[in-house]
């Protein structure tokens, strides 16, 4: 997919994410908006190998969304690509609809349940080791939040991957600089994140997480690397609550919900003044 089309797709996913939040106001909208372009790059940029008709096909690449609560922006992509019925987007959070505020593996395309933070890299390591044991060339990608890196279990996993030189494992950090109750720097300052991964035996690269092309290039470069290289971390700089001024300016946006009229106003503005 070309650059213009990917950006159009990101705008569509952004709008659909807001609509989902309107139905599910308990969902984490700010966290979900920060990773829109990352998910678009993965699925529309030729990065991931997948088959919507067989979500668990052995020859798929694996994507673990460790920041599971902040991934309702994944729902429109799954529907658009045919993993789930597009009609599921009509009334998420309602009885009989598999799309909820917090995702689970009832939703085709989700590899694991990640409501509890801090486990995605460990799960990814298990998959990466298993694929290597089978002689598979498939890759494992793990999307994590920067606040999530406060969990000790993450650094245990990071050390383990570095020790085993898992060249089929890539962690993408959605670095939006905010965790649940404040800026990350005021809770546990992990800067510089890339250098810390490198200290544990990883390679690292930093990109603009809202630039689909930059994300695609970094991830495709990872897929093209030779066997024997290190695990890779891609630190993707993003904005929490991307595109919603009231969220972008609020250090507590992680736990904030938007009122229906606010969502309607955002969608109307995004539609150029027409009814959304």
Foldseek 3Di string as FASTA:
>chain_A
DDQVVLVVVLLVLLLLLLLLCQLALQAQSLLQNFQSLVLSLCQVVPQWDADLVCLVPVQTAAEAEQCQSRHLSVVCVSCVRNNDPPCLSVRACDPPRQHHSGHAVVRRNHPGRNPDHDCQLVVQVVVLVVCVVVVHLHAYEYEEEPLSVVDPSNVVSLLVQQVVQSLRYEYEYSYQQADQQFGSCVVPDPPPVQVVSVVSREHEDEEASNRSVRSNVVSVVSSPDDPPHGYYYYYHHTHGNPPQVVLSVDNNSSRGGDHSVSSQVSSCVSVVNDGD
